[in-house]
Amino acid sequence: MYRKIENIPTPIEKFELPFEGQLAEDNRWVIRANLIPWSEFEDEYAQKFTIEMGAAET
């Protein structure tokens, strides 16, 4: 089942790693992740679901 949850992305400085490290803002994956329009992808992804095909009932 898919259910869209409105949430604010975790800022890099608050992101917790299992080994108590921190992600650097100049990390190439952090930079790339910030370039991706995640909400646009989620909107398109959410359209794939209907009540018959896994969407949550409202």
C-alpha atoms as a PDB file:
ATOM      1  CA  MET A   1       0.000   0.000   0.000  1.00  0.00           C
ATOM      2  CA  TYR A   2       1.214   3.493  -0.817  1.00  0.00           C
ATOM      3  CA  ARG A   3       0.316   6.470   1.326  1.00  0.00           C
ATOM      4  CA  LYS A   4       1.861   9.873   0.688  1.00  0.00           C
ATOM      5  CA  ILE A   5       3.131  11.470   3.850  1.00  0.00           C
ATOM      6  CA  GLU A   6       3.927  15.167   3.906  1.00  0.00           C
ATOM      7  CA  ASN A   7       7.258  15.534   5.608  1.00  0.00           C
ATOM      8  CA  ILE A   8      10.186  17.880   5.564  1.00  0.00           C
ATOM      9  CA  PRO A   9      13.491  16.340   4.453  1.00  0.00           C
ATOM     10  CA  THR A  10      16.055  15.853   7.195  1.00  0.00           C
ATOM     11  CA  PRO A  11      18.769  18.518   6.973  1.00  0.00           C
ATOM     12  CA  ILE A  12      22.254  17.119   6.398  1.00  0.00           C
ATOM     13  CA  GLU A  13      23.486  18.286   9.804  1.00  0.00           C
ATOM     14  CA  LYS A  14      20.663  16.355  11.551  1.00  0.00           C
ATOM     15  CA  PHE A  15      21.032  13.131   9.564  1.00  0.00           C
ATOM     16  CA  GLU A  16      22.124  10.347  11.913  1.00  0.00           C
ATOM     17  CA  LEU A  17      24.452   7.602  10.729  1.00  0.00           C
ATOM     18  CA  PRO A  18      24.714   4.269  12.554  1.00  0.00           C
ATOM     19  CA  PHE A  19      28.373   4.882  13.386  1.00  0.00           C
ATOM     20  CA  GLU A  20      27.682   8.384  14.768  1.00  0.00           C
ATOM     21  CA  GLY A  21      29.390  10.091  11.842  1.00  0.00           C
ATOM     22  CA  GLN A  22      28.083  13.010   9.830  1.00  0.00           C
ATOM     23  CA  LEU A  23      27.586  13.549   6.128  1.00  0.00           C
ATOM     24  CA  ALA A  24      29.641  16.362   4.661  1.00  0.00           C
ATOM     25  CA  GLU A  25      27.759  18.983   2.653  1.00  0.00           C
ATOM     26  CA  ASP A  26      30.360  18.660  -0.097  1.00  0.00           C
ATOM     27  CA  ASN A  27      29.840  14.882  -0.366  1.00  0.00           C
ATOM     28  CA  ARG A  28      29.041  14.078  -4.012  1.00  0.00           C
ATOM     29  CA  TRP A  29      25.957  12.021  -3.070  1.00  0.00           C
ATOM     30  CA  VAL A  30      24.619  14.801  -0.840  1.00  0.00           C
ATOM     31  CA  ILE A  31      25.091  17.310  -3.657  1.00  0.00           C
ATOM     32  CA  ARG A  32      23.340  15.030  -6.163  1.00  0.00           C
ATOM     33  CA  ALA A  33      20.482  14.300  -3.765  1.00  0.00           C
ATOM     34  CA  ASN A  34      19.885  18.036  -3.358  1.00  0.00           C
ATOM     35  CA  LEU A  35      19.634  18.451  -7.149  1.00  0.00           C
ATOM     36  CA  ILE A  36      16.791  15.927  -7.533  1.00  0.00           C
ATOM     37  CA  PRO A  37      13.214  17.275  -7.370  1.00  0.00           C
ATOM     38  CA  TRP A  38      11.977  14.495  -5.049  1.00  0.00           C
ATOM     39  CA  SER A  39       8.442  15.871  -4.636  1.00  0.00           C
ATOM     40  CA  GLU A  40       7.918  15.825  -8.415  1.00  0.00           C
ATOM     41  CA  PHE A  41       8.961  12.177  -8.552  1.00  0.00           C
ATOM     42  CA  GLU A  42       6.663  11.301  -5.673  1.00  0.00           C
ATOM     43  CA  ASP A  43       3.701  13.060  -7.316  1.00  0.00           C
ATOM     44  CA  GLU A  44       4.228  11.053 -10.488  1.00  0.00           C
ATOM     45  CA  TYR A  45       4.762   7.832  -8.509  1.00  0.00           C
ATOM     46  CA  ALA A  46       1.569   8.363  -6.489  1.00  0.00           C
ATOM     47  CA  GLN A  47      -0.490   8.570  -9.685  1.00  0.00           C
ATOM     48  CA  LYS A  48       0.354   4.913 -10.399  1.00  0.00           C
ATOM     49  CA  PHE A  49      -1.845   3.748  -7.520  1.00  0.00           C
ATOM     50  CA  THR A  50      -5.616   3.364  -7.464  1.00  0.00           C
ATOM     51  CA  ILE A  51      -7.910   1.898  -4.817  1.00  0.00           C
ATOM     52  CA  GLU A  52      -7.828  -1.379  -6.749  1.00  0.00           C
ATOM     53  CA  MET A  53      -4.025  -1.343  -7.093  1.00  0.00           C
ATOM     54  CA  GLY A  54      -2.685  -0.512  -3.665  1.00  0.00           C
ATOM     55  CA  ALA A  55      -3.688   3.054  -2.911  1.00  0.00           C
ATOM     56  CA  ALA A  56      -4.811   3.738   0.630  1.00  0.00           C
ATOM     57  CA  GLU A  57      -8.494   4.430   1.124  1.00  0.00           C
ATOM     58  CA  THR A  58      -9.177   8.012   2.084  1.00  0.00           C
END
